[in-house]
Amino acid sequence: MASPHYVIRRSRSGRFNFTLLAEHGRINGVVVVPTENRSKEEVAQHAREKIRALADDLATVANRTALPS
């Protein structure tokens, strides 16, 4: 499989559905971005930033939390 990556699909009213894909599975989610007075490109960039932040948070928690054996 390719390196971990994500796929984004824009929904309505600033909602972005996404899937984080990695070798061992996938995680689906949604981020919501304010759209007022922002260009389509700005909204999409903000959504990507939020998704990256979620992925970073997941990695941080996974690295510091011991999973049950």
Protein backbone atom coordinates (compact mmCIF):
# COMPACT_ATOMS: atom_id res chain seq x y z
CA MET A 1 0.00 0.00 0.00
CA ALA A 2 1.08 3.59 -0.54
CA SER A 3 2.24 5.72 2.36
CA PRO A 4 -0.47 6.95 4.76
CA HIS A 5 -2.64 9.63 3.20
CA TYR A 6 -6.13 11.11 3.34
CA VAL A 7 -9.01 11.65 0.94
CA ILE A 8 -11.36 14.65 1.27
CA ARG A 9 -14.87 15.06 -0.09
CA ARG A 10 -16.57 18.43 0.33
CA SER A 11 -20.15 18.33 1.52
CA ARG A 12 -22.48 21.25 2.25
CA SER A 13 -22.09 24.34 4.38
CA GLY A 14 -18.40 23.94 5.08
CA ARG A 15 -18.55 20.25 5.99
CA PHE A 16 -15.71 18.06 4.71
CA ASN A 17 -15.85 14.28 4.94
CA PHE A 18 -12.45 12.65 5.03
CA THR A 19 -10.81 9.26 5.29
CA LEU A 20 -7.33 8.70 6.70
CA LEU A 21 -5.86 5.64 4.96
CA ALA A 22 -2.91 3.62 6.18
CA GLU A 23 -1.54 0.11 5.84
CA HIS A 24 -3.51 -1.25 8.80
CA GLY A 25 -6.86 0.43 8.21
CA ARG A 26 -8.77 3.64 7.84
CA ILE A 27 -10.48 6.28 9.93
CA ASN A 28 -13.45 8.30 8.66
CA GLY A 29 -14.47 11.69 9.98
CA VAL A 30 -15.91 15.11 9.35
CA VAL A 31 -14.55 18.62 9.92
CA VAL A 32 -16.62 21.79 9.74
CA VAL A 33 -15.11 25.05 8.51
CA PRO A 34 -16.74 28.50 8.58
CA THR A 35 -17.44 29.69 5.04
CA GLU A 36 -18.59 33.30 5.48
CA ASN A 37 -16.41 35.85 3.69
CA ARG A 38 -13.91 33.20 2.58
CA SER A 39 -13.01 32.00 -0.87
CA LYS A 40 -13.49 28.37 -1.84
CA GLU A 41 -9.71 27.91 -1.75
CA GLU A 42 -9.43 29.39 1.77
CA VAL A 43 -12.20 27.11 3.04
CA ALA A 44 -10.54 24.04 1.51
CA GLN A 45 -7.14 25.02 2.97
CA HIS A 46 -8.65 25.47 6.44
CA ALA A 47 -10.29 22.02 6.16
CA ARG A 48 -6.94 20.42 5.23
CA GLU A 49 -5.29 22.14 8.20
CA LYS A 50 -7.96 20.82 10.57
CA ILE A 51 -7.60 17.28 9.19
CA ARG A 52 -3.81 17.42 9.59
CA ALA A 53 -4.23 18.64 13.17
CA LEU A 54 -6.58 15.74 13.93
CA ALA A 55 -4.09 13.26 12.45
CA ASP A 56 -1.29 14.79 14.56
CA ASP A 57 -3.46 14.57 17.69
CA LEU A 58 -4.25 10.93 16.96
CA ALA A 59 -0.57 10.11 16.52
CA THR A 60 0.29 11.90 19.77
CA VAL A 61 -2.36 10.07 21.77
CA ALA A 62 -1.51 6.71 20.22
CA ASN A 63 2.16 7.15 21.06
CA ARG A 64 1.60 8.05 24.70
CA THR A 65 -1.26 5.67 25.51
CA ALA A 66 -0.50 2.03 26.10
CA LEU A 67 -2.98 -0.25 24.39
CA PRO A 68 -4.19 -3.36 26.24
CA SER A 69 -2.33 -6.55 25.36
